[in-house]
Amino acid sequence: MPLQPLSFALTALVAYLIGSPPTGYLAGRLRGMDIRKHGSGNIGATNVFRILGRTAGIIVLLVDALKGTLAVLATPYLVVGLLGSERASGFLPVIAALAVILGHNYTCWLGFQGGKGIATSAGVLAALVPAAGATVIGLWIVVFLLSRYVSLASITAATALPLATWLTTHDPTRSGLTLVVGGLAVWKHRPNIRRLLNGTENRFVRKPSSPKEPPSQ
């Protein structure tokens, strides 16, 4: 395989593996439970916060975000070093960004079922398009504080992401990437969208876990 396609493939593989450790699931196992059987059934930070408490939720949030940042910043240099190339292609961080989110959302360790990728996407944005990332994170905070719906805040931020990226970078490659990332986030929130439309989505509160609790964000 020529060097450049090989570097693209290796970047995607390494970044996917960085994103794949199911942090929320592991946090639940440390407490002797399968987090997928409690609350919303999701392994993301929101459900961990609800079921395991603030400290566990914050740790999962930070680790999931760090996975995104680490993949974008470190993977291209690691791949260049392994292949002995003189410099990294400008596409490698973009490839790493998408692959690490897919690794989180479709982790190979849980039968390719994972989280919704919001924290990992935030980590990616901080490294790849920081101005756009700060804009949509600010939007997320405003919508969440006004509505107390994590899902609505995430969907709104994901929808605004491609425009924010274009306005702050005018880079078609990065804007195209964030269009895919935002679309993937909205796709993963399909059940939440249905519940928001029919009025059954739960606002964010920490509450006792129950294996039979109906799903929510």
N, C-alpha and C. Protein backbone atom coordinates (compact mmCIF):
# COMPACT_ATOMS: atom_id res chain seq x y z
N MET A 1 0.86 -1.20 0.00
CA MET A 1 0.00 0.00 0.00
C MET A 1 0.89 1.25 0.00
N PRO A 2 0.60 2.26 -0.87
CA PRO A 2 1.39 3.50 -0.85
C PRO A 2 1.34 4.15 0.52
N LEU A 3 2.35 4.99 0.78
CA LEU A 3 2.52 5.54 2.12
C LEU A 3 1.33 6.37 2.58
N GLN A 4 0.80 7.25 1.69
CA GLN A 4 -0.27 8.13 2.15
C GLN A 4 -1.55 7.37 2.48
N PRO A 5 -2.06 6.47 1.60
CA PRO A 5 -3.24 5.68 2.02
C PRO A 5 -2.99 4.87 3.27
N LEU A 6 -1.76 4.36 3.43
CA LEU A 6 -1.45 3.61 4.64
C LEU A 6 -1.53 4.50 5.87
N SER A 7 -1.04 5.73 5.75
CA SER A 7 -1.12 6.66 6.89
C SER A 7 -2.56 7.00 7.21
N PHE A 8 -3.42 7.13 6.20
CA PHE A 8 -4.83 7.40 6.44
C PHE A 8 -5.48 6.23 7.19
N ALA A 9 -5.21 5.01 6.73
CA ALA A 9 -5.82 3.83 7.34
C ALA A 9 -5.32 3.64 8.76
N LEU A 10 -4.03 3.83 8.98
CA LEU A 10 -3.46 3.65 10.32
C LEU A 10 -3.99 4.71 11.28
N THR A 11 -4.13 5.95 10.79
CA THR A 11 -4.70 7.01 11.62
C THR A 11 -6.11 6.67 12.05
N ALA A 12 -6.91 6.20 11.11
CA ALA A 12 -8.29 5.84 11.43
C ALA A 12 -8.34 4.72 12.46
N LEU A 13 -7.48 3.73 12.32
CA LEU A 13 -7.47 2.60 13.25
C LEU A 13 -7.05 3.04 14.65
N VAL A 14 -5.95 3.79 14.73
CA VAL A 14 -5.45 4.22 16.04
C VAL A 14 -6.47 5.12 16.74
N ALA A 15 -7.04 6.08 15.99
CA ALA A 15 -8.02 6.99 16.58
C ALA A 15 -9.27 6.24 17.02
N TYR A 16 -9.72 5.28 16.22
CA TYR A 16 -10.88 4.47 16.61
C TYR A 16 -10.61 3.77 17.93
N LEU A 17 -9.43 3.18 18.07
CA LEU A 17 -9.09 2.46 19.30
C LEU A 17 -9.00 3.41 20.49
N ILE A 18 -8.51 4.63 20.27
CA ILE A 18 -8.48 5.62 21.36
C ILE A 18 -9.90 5.94 21.82
N GLY A 19 -10.82 6.03 20.88
CA GLY A 19 -12.21 6.35 21.23
C GLY A 19 -13.00 5.20 21.78
N SER A 20 -12.51 3.98 21.60
CA SER A 20 -13.35 2.81 21.88
C SER A 20 -13.51 2.41 23.35
N PRO A 21 -12.58 2.71 24.27
CA PRO A 21 -12.82 2.30 25.66
C PRO A 21 -14.13 2.87 26.20
N PRO A 22 -15.06 2.02 26.63
CA PRO A 22 -16.38 2.49 27.08
C PRO A 22 -16.33 3.02 28.52
N THR A 23 -15.94 4.26 28.66
CA THR A 23 -15.65 4.83 29.98
C THR A 23 -16.82 4.69 30.95
N GLY A 24 -18.02 5.05 30.49
CA GLY A 24 -19.19 4.98 31.37
C GLY A 24 -19.50 3.55 31.79
N TYR A 25 -19.36 2.62 30.88
CA TYR A 25 -19.58 1.21 31.20
C TYR A 25 -18.58 0.75 32.26
N LEU A 26 -17.31 1.13 32.08
CA LEU A 26 -16.27 0.74 33.03
C LEU A 26 -16.51 1.36 34.40
N ALA A 27 -17.00 2.60 34.41
CA ALA A 27 -17.32 3.25 35.69
C ALA A 27 -18.42 2.49 36.42
N GLY A 28 -19.39 2.01 35.69
CA GLY A 28 -20.45 1.21 36.29
C GLY A 28 -19.92 -0.11 36.83
N ARG A 29 -19.05 -0.75 36.07
CA ARG A 29 -18.49 -2.03 36.51
C ARG A 29 -17.68 -1.87 37.80
N LEU A 30 -17.01 -0.74 37.95
CA LEU A 30 -16.27 -0.48 39.18
C LEU A 30 -17.20 -0.39 40.38
N ARG A 31 -18.47 -0.04 40.12
CA ARG A 31 -19.48 0.01 41.20
C ARG A 31 -20.31 -1.28 41.25
N GLY A 32 -19.92 -2.27 40.47
CA GLY A 32 -20.61 -3.55 40.50
C GLY A 32 -21.92 -3.59 39.74
N MET A 33 -22.08 -2.72 38.74
CA MET A 33 -23.32 -2.71 37.97
C MET A 33 -23.02 -2.54 36.49
N ASP A 34 -23.99 -2.94 35.68
CA ASP A 34 -23.97 -2.68 34.25
C ASP A 34 -24.82 -1.44 34.01
N ILE A 35 -24.17 -0.31 33.72
CA ILE A 35 -24.88 0.97 33.57
C ILE A 35 -25.92 0.91 32.47
N ARG A 36 -25.77 -0.04 31.54
CA ARG A 36 -26.73 -0.16 30.44
C ARG A 36 -28.09 -0.67 30.91
N LYS A 37 -28.16 -1.19 32.14
CA LYS A 37 -29.41 -1.70 32.67
C LYS A 37 -30.06 -0.72 33.65
N HIS A 38 -29.56 0.50 33.68
CA HIS A 38 -30.08 1.51 34.60
C HIS A 38 -30.32 2.83 33.87
N GLY A 39 -31.28 3.59 34.39
CA GLY A 39 -31.56 4.90 33.80
C GLY A 39 -31.93 4.79 32.34
N SER A 40 -31.24 5.55 31.51
CA SER A 40 -31.53 5.56 30.07
C SER A 40 -30.94 4.36 29.36
N GLY A 41 -30.02 3.66 30.02
CA GLY A 41 -29.34 2.55 29.36
C GLY A 41 -28.13 2.98 28.55
N ASN A 42 -27.87 4.29 28.50
CA ASN A 42 -26.74 4.81 27.74
C ASN A 42 -25.49 4.81 28.60
N ILE A 43 -24.32 4.67 27.97
CA ILE A 43 -23.07 4.64 28.73
C ILE A 43 -22.42 6.02 28.82
N GLY A 44 -23.11 7.05 28.38
CA GLY A 44 -22.55 8.39 28.40
C GLY A 44 -22.56 9.04 29.77
N ALA A 45 -21.92 10.22 29.83
CA ALA A 45 -21.74 10.91 31.11
C ALA A 45 -23.05 11.31 31.76
N THR A 46 -24.06 11.65 30.96
CA THR A 46 -25.34 12.08 31.54
C THR A 46 -25.96 10.97 32.37
N ASN A 47 -26.00 9.77 31.82
CA ASN A 47 -26.59 8.66 32.56
C ASN A 47 -25.73 8.26 33.75
N VAL A 48 -24.41 8.32 33.59
CA VAL A 48 -23.51 8.03 34.70
C VAL A 48 -23.72 9.04 35.83
N PHE A 49 -23.87 10.31 35.47
CA PHE A 49 -24.12 11.35 36.48
C PHE A 49 -25.39 11.04 37.24
N ARG A 50 -26.44 10.66 36.55
CA ARG A 50 -27.71 10.35 37.19
C ARG A 50 -27.60 9.16 38.14
N ILE A 51 -26.94 8.11 37.66
CA ILE A 51 -26.97 6.85 38.39
C ILE A 51 -25.85 6.72 39.41
N LEU A 52 -24.65 7.16 39.04
CA LEU A 52 -23.48 6.96 39.90
C LEU A 52 -23.07 8.21 40.66
N GLY A 53 -23.63 9.36 40.30
CA GLY A 53 -23.32 10.57 41.03
C GLY A 53 -22.42 11.54 40.28
N ARG A 54 -22.26 12.72 40.89
CA ARG A 54 -21.55 13.82 40.24
C ARG A 54 -20.10 13.50 39.93
N THR A 55 -19.38 12.94 40.89
CA THR A 55 -17.96 12.69 40.69
C THR A 55 -17.73 11.74 39.52
N ALA A 56 -18.46 10.63 39.52
CA ALA A 56 -18.31 9.65 38.43
C ALA A 56 -18.70 10.27 37.10
N GLY A 57 -19.78 11.06 37.08
CA GLY A 57 -20.23 11.69 35.85
C GLY A 57 -19.20 12.65 35.29
N ILE A 58 -18.60 13.45 36.15
CA ILE A 58 -17.59 14.41 35.70
C ILE A 58 -16.35 13.69 35.17
N ILE A 59 -15.94 12.64 35.86
CA ILE A 59 -14.77 11.88 35.40
C ILE A 59 -15.02 11.28 34.02
N VAL A 60 -16.19 10.67 33.84
CA VAL A 60 -16.52 10.08 32.54
C VAL A 60 -16.58 11.15 31.46
N LEU A 61 -17.18 12.29 31.78
CA LEU A 61 -17.26 13.40 30.83
C LEU A 61 -15.86 13.84 30.39
N LEU A 62 -14.97 14.04 31.36
CA LEU A 62 -13.63 14.53 31.05
C LEU A 62 -12.82 13.50 30.27
N VAL A 63 -12.92 12.23 30.66
CA VAL A 63 -12.17 11.19 29.96
C VAL A 63 -12.67 11.04 28.52
N ASP A 64 -14.00 11.06 28.34
CA ASP A 64 -14.54 10.94 26.98
C ASP A 64 -14.12 12.13 26.11
N ALA A 65 -14.11 13.33 26.70
CA ALA A 65 -13.65 14.50 25.95
C ALA A 65 -12.17 14.40 25.64
N LEU A 66 -11.39 13.93 26.61
CA LEU A 66 -9.95 13.80 26.40
C LEU A 66 -9.63 12.83 25.29
N LYS A 67 -10.44 11.79 25.14
CA LYS A 67 -10.22 10.85 24.04
C LYS A 67 -10.25 11.59 22.70
N GLY A 68 -11.21 12.48 22.54
CA GLY A 68 -11.31 13.22 21.28
C GLY A 68 -10.13 14.14 21.05
N THR A 69 -9.74 14.87 22.08
CA THR A 69 -8.61 15.79 21.95
C THR A 69 -7.31 15.04 21.68
N LEU A 70 -7.09 13.97 22.43
CA LEU A 70 -5.86 13.18 22.27
C LEU A 70 -5.76 12.59 20.87
N ALA A 71 -6.86 12.06 20.36
CA ALA A 71 -6.83 11.46 19.03
C ALA A 71 -6.45 12.47 17.96
N VAL A 72 -7.03 13.66 18.02
CA VAL A 72 -6.77 14.68 17.00
C VAL A 72 -5.34 15.21 17.11
N LEU A 73 -4.87 15.45 18.32
CA LEU A 73 -3.56 16.07 18.49
C LEU A 73 -2.40 15.08 18.38
N ALA A 74 -2.59 13.86 18.87
CA ALA A 74 -1.46 12.94 18.96
C ALA A 74 -1.39 11.91 17.84
N THR A 75 -2.54 11.45 17.35
CA THR A 75 -2.53 10.35 16.39
C THR A 75 -1.73 10.66 15.12
N PRO A 76 -1.89 11.84 14.50
CA PRO A 76 -1.11 12.11 13.28
C PRO A 76 0.39 12.01 13.51
N TYR A 77 0.87 12.53 14.62
CA TYR A 77 2.31 12.47 14.91
C TYR A 77 2.76 11.05 15.19
N LEU A 78 1.92 10.28 15.87
CA LEU A 78 2.24 8.88 16.14
C LEU A 78 2.36 8.11 14.83
N VAL A 79 1.41 8.33 13.94
CA VAL A 79 1.42 7.62 12.66
C VAL A 79 2.62 8.02 11.82
N VAL A 80 2.92 9.30 11.77
CA VAL A 80 4.08 9.78 11.02
C VAL A 80 5.35 9.15 11.57
N GLY A 81 5.46 9.07 12.90
CA GLY A 81 6.63 8.45 13.51
C GLY A 81 6.74 6.97 13.18
N LEU A 82 5.61 6.27 13.22
CA LEU A 82 5.63 4.84 12.93
C LEU A 82 6.01 4.55 11.49
N LEU A 83 5.55 5.41 10.56
CA LEU A 83 5.81 5.18 9.15
C LEU A 83 7.09 5.84 8.66
N GLY A 84 7.69 6.66 9.51
CA GLY A 84 8.92 7.32 9.12
C GLY A 84 8.72 8.42 8.10
N SER A 85 7.53 9.01 8.05
CA SER A 85 7.27 10.11 7.12
C SER A 85 7.90 11.39 7.64
N GLU A 86 8.13 12.34 6.74
CA GLU A 86 8.72 13.61 7.14
C GLU A 86 7.69 14.54 7.76
N ARG A 87 6.44 14.46 7.29
CA ARG A 87 5.42 15.34 7.84
C ARG A 87 4.05 14.68 7.70
N ALA A 88 3.11 15.14 8.51
CA ALA A 88 1.77 14.58 8.49
C ALA A 88 0.92 15.28 7.43
N SER A 89 0.10 14.52 6.75
CA SER A 89 -0.88 15.11 5.84
C SER A 89 -1.88 15.94 6.62
N GLY A 90 -2.33 17.03 6.03
CA GLY A 90 -3.32 17.87 6.69
C GLY A 90 -4.65 17.19 6.91
N PHE A 91 -4.86 16.05 6.23
CA PHE A 91 -6.12 15.33 6.40
C PHE A 91 -6.09 14.40 7.61
N LEU A 92 -4.93 14.11 8.14
CA LEU A 92 -4.85 13.14 9.23
C LEU A 92 -5.64 13.57 10.47
N PRO A 93 -5.56 14.84 10.91
CA PRO A 93 -6.37 15.23 12.08
C PRO A 93 -7.87 15.09 11.81
N VAL A 94 -8.29 15.35 10.57
CA VAL A 94 -9.71 15.23 10.22
C VAL A 94 -10.14 13.77 10.27
N ILE A 95 -9.30 12.90 9.73
CA ILE A 95 -9.59 11.47 9.77
C ILE A 95 -9.64 10.98 11.22
N ALA A 96 -8.68 11.43 12.02
CA ALA A 96 -8.65 11.04 13.43
C ALA A 96 -9.89 11.52 14.16
N ALA A 97 -10.35 12.72 13.84
CA ALA A 97 -11.52 13.29 14.51
C ALA A 97 -12.76 12.43 14.29
N LEU A 98 -12.99 12.04 13.05
CA LEU A 98 -14.16 11.23 12.76
C LEU A 98 -14.02 9.83 13.35
N ALA A 99 -12.82 9.26 13.25
CA ALA A 99 -12.63 7.88 13.72
C ALA A 99 -12.78 7.76 15.23
N VAL A 100 -12.30 8.75 15.98
CA VAL A 100 -12.39 8.65 17.44
C VAL A 100 -13.85 8.75 17.90
N ILE A 101 -14.65 9.56 17.22
CA ILE A 101 -16.08 9.64 17.55
C ILE A 101 -16.77 8.32 17.23
N LEU A 102 -16.44 7.74 16.08
CA LEU A 102 -17.02 6.45 15.73
C LEU A 102 -16.58 5.37 16.72
N GLY A 103 -15.34 5.47 17.21
CA GLY A 103 -14.88 4.51 18.21
C GLY A 103 -15.67 4.59 19.49
N HIS A 104 -16.04 5.81 19.88
CA HIS A 104 -16.86 5.98 21.09
C HIS A 104 -18.30 5.53 20.85
N ASN A 105 -18.86 5.93 19.72
CA ASN A 105 -20.27 5.64 19.45
C ASN A 105 -20.53 4.17 19.12
N TYR A 106 -19.55 3.54 18.52
CA TYR A 106 -19.71 2.14 18.06
C TYR A 106 -18.49 1.34 18.53
N THR A 107 -18.35 1.23 19.85
CA THR A 107 -17.17 0.59 20.39
C THR A 107 -17.16 -0.92 20.13
N CYS A 108 -16.01 -1.41 19.74
CA CYS A 108 -15.87 -2.84 19.46
C CYS A 108 -15.95 -3.67 20.73
N TRP A 109 -15.79 -3.04 21.90
CA TRP A 109 -15.79 -3.77 23.16
C TRP A 109 -17.19 -4.08 23.67
N LEU A 110 -18.21 -3.44 23.10
CA LEU A 110 -19.59 -3.67 23.55
C LEU A 110 -20.48 -4.00 22.36
N GLY A 111 -19.96 -4.82 21.45
CA GLY A 111 -20.77 -5.23 20.31
C GLY A 111 -21.12 -4.08 19.39
N PHE A 112 -20.23 -3.10 19.29
CA PHE A 112 -20.40 -1.92 18.44
C PHE A 112 -21.62 -1.08 18.83
N GLN A 113 -21.91 -1.10 20.13
CA GLN A 113 -22.92 -0.21 20.71
C GLN A 113 -22.20 0.69 21.72
N GLY A 114 -22.43 2.00 21.65
CA GLY A 114 -21.72 2.89 22.55
C GLY A 114 -22.53 4.09 22.95
N GLY A 115 -21.84 5.20 23.18
CA GLY A 115 -22.50 6.42 23.60
C GLY A 115 -22.99 7.24 22.42
N LYS A 116 -23.34 8.48 22.71
CA LYS A 116 -23.86 9.38 21.67
C LYS A 116 -22.81 10.36 21.17
N GLY A 117 -21.65 10.34 21.78
CA GLY A 117 -20.51 11.05 21.22
C GLY A 117 -20.43 12.53 21.50
N ILE A 118 -21.25 13.06 22.39
CA ILE A 118 -21.25 14.51 22.60
C ILE A 118 -19.96 14.96 23.29
N ALA A 119 -19.56 14.29 24.37
CA ALA A 119 -18.33 14.69 25.06
C ALA A 119 -17.10 14.48 24.19
N THR A 120 -17.05 13.34 23.49
CA THR A 120 -15.92 13.08 22.61
C THR A 120 -15.87 14.08 21.47
N SER A 121 -17.02 14.44 20.94
CA SER A 121 -17.08 15.47 19.89
C SER A 121 -16.59 16.81 20.41
N ALA A 122 -16.94 17.14 21.65
CA ALA A 122 -16.48 18.39 22.24
C ALA A 122 -14.96 18.40 22.34
N GLY A 123 -14.36 17.27 22.72
CA GLY A 123 -12.92 17.17 22.77
C GLY A 123 -12.28 17.32 21.41
N VAL A 124 -12.90 16.75 20.40
CA VAL A 124 -12.44 16.90 19.02
C VAL A 124 -12.47 18.36 18.59
N LEU A 125 -13.58 19.03 18.87
CA LEU A 125 -13.74 20.42 18.46
C LEU A 125 -12.72 21.32 19.15
N ALA A 126 -12.44 21.05 20.41
CA ALA A 126 -11.46 21.86 21.14
C ALA A 126 -10.10 21.81 20.47
N ALA A 127 -9.77 20.67 19.88
CA ALA A 127 -8.47 20.51 19.25
C ALA A 127 -8.46 20.95 17.79
N LEU A 128 -9.57 20.74 17.08
CA LEU A 128 -9.59 20.93 15.64
C LEU A 128 -10.14 22.29 15.22
N VAL A 129 -11.24 22.71 15.83
CA VAL A 129 -11.87 24.00 15.50
C VAL A 129 -12.28 24.68 16.81
N PRO A 130 -11.32 25.18 17.58
CA PRO A 130 -11.62 25.67 18.93
C PRO A 130 -12.63 26.81 18.98
N ALA A 131 -12.59 27.73 18.02
CA ALA A 131 -13.55 28.84 18.05
C ALA A 131 -14.97 28.34 17.84
N ALA A 132 -15.16 27.47 16.86
CA ALA A 132 -16.49 26.89 16.63
C ALA A 132 -16.91 26.03 17.81
N GLY A 133 -15.94 25.29 18.37
CA GLY A 133 -16.26 24.46 19.53
C GLY A 133 -16.74 25.28 20.70
N ALA A 134 -16.04 26.39 20.97
CA ALA A 134 -16.46 27.26 22.08
C ALA A 134 -17.84 27.84 21.83
N THR A 135 -18.13 28.17 20.58
CA THR A 135 -19.44 28.74 20.23
C THR A 135 -20.57 27.77 20.50
N VAL A 136 -20.41 26.53 20.03
CA VAL A 136 -21.51 25.57 20.20
C VAL A 136 -21.60 25.06 21.63
N ILE A 137 -20.48 25.01 22.35
CA ILE A 137 -20.54 24.64 23.77
C ILE A 137 -21.30 25.72 24.54
N GLY A 138 -21.03 26.99 24.21
CA GLY A 138 -21.78 28.08 24.82
C GLY A 138 -23.27 27.96 24.52
N LEU A 139 -23.59 27.62 23.28
CA LEU A 139 -24.99 27.43 22.89
C LEU A 139 -25.60 26.27 23.67
N TRP A 140 -24.84 25.18 23.81
CA TRP A 140 -25.32 24.02 24.57
C TRP A 140 -25.68 24.44 26.00
N ILE A 141 -24.80 25.21 26.63
CA ILE A 141 -25.03 25.63 28.02
C ILE A 141 -26.29 26.47 28.13
N VAL A 142 -26.47 27.41 27.21
CA VAL A 142 -27.64 28.28 27.26
C VAL A 142 -28.92 27.47 27.11
N VAL A 143 -28.97 26.59 26.11
CA VAL A 143 -30.19 25.79 25.87
C VAL A 143 -30.46 24.87 27.06
N PHE A 144 -29.41 24.29 27.61
CA PHE A 144 -29.60 23.40 28.75
C PHE A 144 -30.13 24.15 29.97
N LEU A 145 -29.55 25.32 30.26
CA LEU A 145 -30.00 26.08 31.42
C LEU A 145 -31.44 26.55 31.27
N LEU A 146 -31.84 26.86 30.05
CA LEU A 146 -33.20 27.32 29.81
C LEU A 146 -34.22 26.18 29.82
N SER A 147 -33.81 25.00 29.35
CA SER A 147 -34.77 23.92 29.17
C SER A 147 -34.59 22.76 30.15
N ARG A 148 -33.36 22.58 30.64
CA ARG A 148 -32.98 21.43 31.47
C ARG A 148 -33.05 20.12 30.70
N TYR A 149 -33.08 20.19 29.38
CA TYR A 149 -33.02 18.99 28.55
C TYR A 149 -31.60 18.85 27.99
N VAL A 150 -30.88 17.82 28.41
CA VAL A 150 -29.56 17.56 27.85
C VAL A 150 -29.67 17.26 26.37
N SER A 151 -30.66 16.47 26.00
CA SER A 151 -30.82 16.06 24.61
C SER A 151 -31.10 17.26 23.71
N LEU A 152 -31.97 18.16 24.12
CA LEU A 152 -32.29 19.33 23.31
C LEU A 152 -31.06 20.21 23.14
N ALA A 153 -30.29 20.38 24.22
CA ALA A 153 -29.07 21.18 24.14
C ALA A 153 -28.08 20.54 23.16
N SER A 154 -27.95 19.23 23.21
CA SER A 154 -27.01 18.53 22.34
C SER A 154 -27.44 18.60 20.88
N ILE A 155 -28.72 18.42 20.63
CA ILE A 155 -29.24 18.47 19.26
C ILE A 155 -29.08 19.87 18.68
N THR A 156 -29.39 20.88 19.48
CA THR A 156 -29.25 22.27 19.02
C THR A 156 -27.80 22.59 18.69
N ALA A 157 -26.88 22.20 19.58
CA ALA A 157 -25.46 22.46 19.33
C ALA A 157 -24.97 21.71 18.10
N ALA A 158 -25.40 20.47 17.94
CA ALA A 158 -24.97 19.68 16.78
C ALA A 158 -25.48 20.30 15.48
N THR A 159 -26.69 20.82 15.50
CA THR A 159 -27.27 21.43 14.31
C THR A 159 -26.54 22.71 13.93
N ALA A 160 -26.11 23.47 14.94
CA ALA A 160 -25.43 24.74 14.69
C ALA A 160 -23.96 24.57 14.35
N LEU A 161 -23.40 23.40 14.61
CA LEU A 161 -21.96 23.19 14.49
C LEU A 161 -21.40 23.47 13.09
N PRO A 162 -21.98 22.94 12.02
CA PRO A 162 -21.38 23.19 10.70
C PRO A 162 -21.33 24.67 10.34
N LEU A 163 -22.38 25.41 10.65
CA LEU A 163 -22.40 26.84 10.36
C LEU A 163 -21.35 27.58 11.19
N ALA A 164 -21.26 27.23 12.48
CA ALA A 164 -20.26 27.87 13.34
C ALA A 164 -18.85 27.59 12.83
N THR A 165 -18.63 26.38 12.35
CA THR A 165 -17.30 26.03 11.82
C THR A 165 -16.98 26.84 10.57
N TRP A 166 -17.94 26.95 9.67
CA TRP A 166 -17.71 27.69 8.44
C TRP A 166 -17.46 29.17 8.73
N LEU A 167 -18.23 29.74 9.63
CA LEU A 167 -18.09 31.16 9.94
C LEU A 167 -16.76 31.47 10.63
N THR A 168 -16.22 30.51 11.37
CA THR A 168 -14.98 30.77 12.11
C THR A 168 -13.73 30.28 11.39
N THR A 169 -13.88 29.40 10.40
CA THR A 169 -12.69 28.88 9.71
C THR A 169 -12.68 29.10 8.21
N HIS A 170 -13.86 29.13 7.59
CA HIS A 170 -13.98 29.16 6.12
C HIS A 170 -13.17 28.02 5.49
N ASP A 171 -13.07 26.94 6.20
CA ASP A 171 -12.34 25.76 5.73
C ASP A 171 -13.35 24.71 5.30
N PRO A 172 -13.42 24.39 4.00
CA PRO A 172 -14.44 23.43 3.54
C PRO A 172 -14.23 22.02 4.10
N THR A 173 -12.97 21.63 4.32
CA THR A 173 -12.71 20.28 4.85
C THR A 173 -13.23 20.15 6.27
N ARG A 174 -12.88 21.11 7.12
CA ARG A 174 -13.32 21.05 8.50
C ARG A 174 -14.82 21.30 8.62
N SER A 175 -15.36 22.15 7.75
CA SER A 175 -16.81 22.38 7.75
C SER A 175 -17.55 21.11 7.34
N GLY A 176 -17.00 20.42 6.34
CA GLY A 176 -17.61 19.15 5.92
C GLY A 176 -17.55 18.12 7.03
N LEU A 177 -16.42 18.06 7.74
CA LEU A 177 -16.30 17.13 8.86
C LEU A 177 -17.36 17.43 9.91
N THR A 178 -17.52 18.69 10.29
CA THR A 178 -18.47 19.02 11.35
C THR A 178 -19.91 18.81 10.90
N LEU A 179 -20.16 18.88 9.60
CA LEU A 179 -21.49 18.53 9.09
C LEU A 179 -21.77 17.05 9.36
N VAL A 180 -20.76 16.21 9.13
CA VAL A 180 -20.90 14.78 9.41
C VAL A 180 -21.03 14.54 10.91
N VAL A 181 -20.16 15.19 11.70
CA VAL A 181 -20.18 15.01 13.15
C VAL A 181 -21.52 15.45 13.74
N GLY A 182 -22.00 16.62 13.30
CA GLY A 182 -23.29 17.11 13.79
C GLY A 182 -24.43 16.20 13.38
N GLY A 183 -24.38 15.74 12.13
CA GLY A 183 -25.42 14.83 11.65
C GLY A 183 -25.43 13.52 12.42
N LEU A 184 -24.23 13.02 12.74
CA LEU A 184 -24.14 11.77 13.50
C LEU A 184 -24.72 11.95 14.90
N ALA A 185 -24.44 13.11 15.51
CA ALA A 185 -24.97 13.37 16.85
C ALA A 185 -26.50 13.42 16.83
N VAL A 186 -27.06 14.08 15.84
CA VAL A 186 -28.52 14.14 15.73
C VAL A 186 -29.08 12.74 15.49
N TRP A 187 -28.44 11.96 14.64
CA TRP A 187 -28.88 10.59 14.36
C TRP A 187 -28.91 9.74 15.63
N LYS A 188 -27.90 9.89 16.47
CA LYS A 188 -27.84 9.11 17.70
C LYS A 188 -28.91 9.55 18.70
N HIS A 189 -29.48 10.73 18.49
CA HIS A 189 -30.52 11.24 19.40
C HIS A 189 -31.93 11.02 18.86
N ARG A 190 -32.10 10.13 17.91
CA ARG A 190 -33.43 9.90 17.33
C ARG A 190 -34.48 9.56 18.39
N PRO A 191 -34.20 8.66 19.35
CA PRO A 191 -35.23 8.37 20.36
C PRO A 191 -35.57 9.60 21.20
N ASN A 192 -34.57 10.43 21.49
CA ASN A 192 -34.82 11.64 22.27
C ASN A 192 -35.69 12.62 21.49
N ILE A 193 -35.45 12.72 20.19
CA ILE A 193 -36.26 13.62 19.36
C ILE A 193 -37.72 13.20 19.40
N ARG A 194 -37.95 11.89 19.31
CA ARG A 194 -39.34 11.40 19.38
C ARG A 194 -39.97 11.75 20.72
N ARG A 195 -39.21 11.58 21.80
CA ARG A 195 -39.77 11.88 23.12
C ARG A 195 -39.97 13.38 23.32
N LEU A 196 -39.08 14.19 22.77
CA LEU A 196 -39.27 15.64 22.85
C LEU A 196 -40.55 16.06 22.12
N LEU A 197 -40.80 15.44 20.98
CA LEU A 197 -41.97 15.80 20.19
C LEU A 197 -43.27 15.35 20.85
N ASN A 198 -43.23 14.21 21.55
CA ASN A 198 -44.47 13.75 22.18
C ASN A 198 -44.57 14.11 23.66
N GLY A 199 -43.57 14.89 24.15
CA GLY A 199 -43.65 15.41 25.51
C GLY A 199 -43.28 14.45 26.61
N THR A 200 -42.56 13.37 26.29
CA THR A 200 -42.22 12.38 27.32
C THR A 200 -40.73 12.39 27.69
N GLU A 201 -39.95 13.29 27.12
CA GLU A 201 -38.54 13.37 27.46
C GLU A 201 -38.38 13.93 28.88
N ASN A 202 -37.50 13.33 29.66
CA ASN A 202 -37.28 13.77 31.03
C ASN A 202 -36.23 14.88 31.09
N ARG A 203 -36.50 15.88 31.93
CA ARG A 203 -35.49 16.89 32.19
C ARG A 203 -34.39 16.31 33.07
N PHE A 204 -33.24 16.98 33.06
CA PHE A 204 -32.08 16.45 33.77
C PHE A 204 -32.24 16.60 35.28
N VAL A 205 -32.29 15.47 35.96
CA VAL A 205 -32.21 15.42 37.43
C VAL A 205 -31.49 14.14 37.78
N ARG A 206 -30.78 14.17 38.89
CA ARG A 206 -30.20 12.93 39.39
C ARG A 206 -31.27 12.19 40.16
N LYS A 207 -31.42 10.90 39.89
CA LYS A 207 -32.46 10.14 40.57
C LYS A 207 -31.99 8.71 40.80
N PRO A 208 -32.63 8.00 41.73
CA PRO A 208 -32.22 6.62 41.99
C PRO A 208 -32.36 5.75 40.75
N SER A 209 -31.46 4.79 40.61
CA SER A 209 -31.50 3.90 39.44
C SER A 209 -32.54 2.82 39.64
N SER A 210 -33.06 2.35 38.53
CA SER A 210 -33.97 1.22 38.53
C SER A 210 -33.82 0.49 37.21
N PRO A 211 -33.56 -0.83 37.20
CA PRO A 211 -33.39 -1.54 35.96
C PRO A 211 -34.57 -1.43 35.03
N LYS A 212 -35.77 -1.18 35.56
CA LYS A 212 -36.96 -1.11 34.71
C LYS A 212 -37.37 0.31 34.41
N GLU A 213 -36.52 1.27 34.74
CA GLU A 213 -36.85 2.67 34.51
C GLU A 213 -36.99 2.95 33.02
N PRO A 214 -38.03 3.62 32.56
CA PRO A 214 -38.17 3.88 31.13
C PRO A 214 -37.03 4.74 30.61
N PRO A 215 -36.63 4.53 29.35
CA PRO A 215 -35.49 5.26 28.80
C PRO A 215 -35.73 6.76 28.75
N SER A 216 -34.65 7.50 28.94
CA SER A 216 -34.65 8.93 28.74
C SER A 216 -33.23 9.31 28.36
N GLN A 217 -32.94 10.60 28.14
CA GLN A 217 -31.58 11.00 27.73
C GLN A 217 -30.54 10.66 28.78
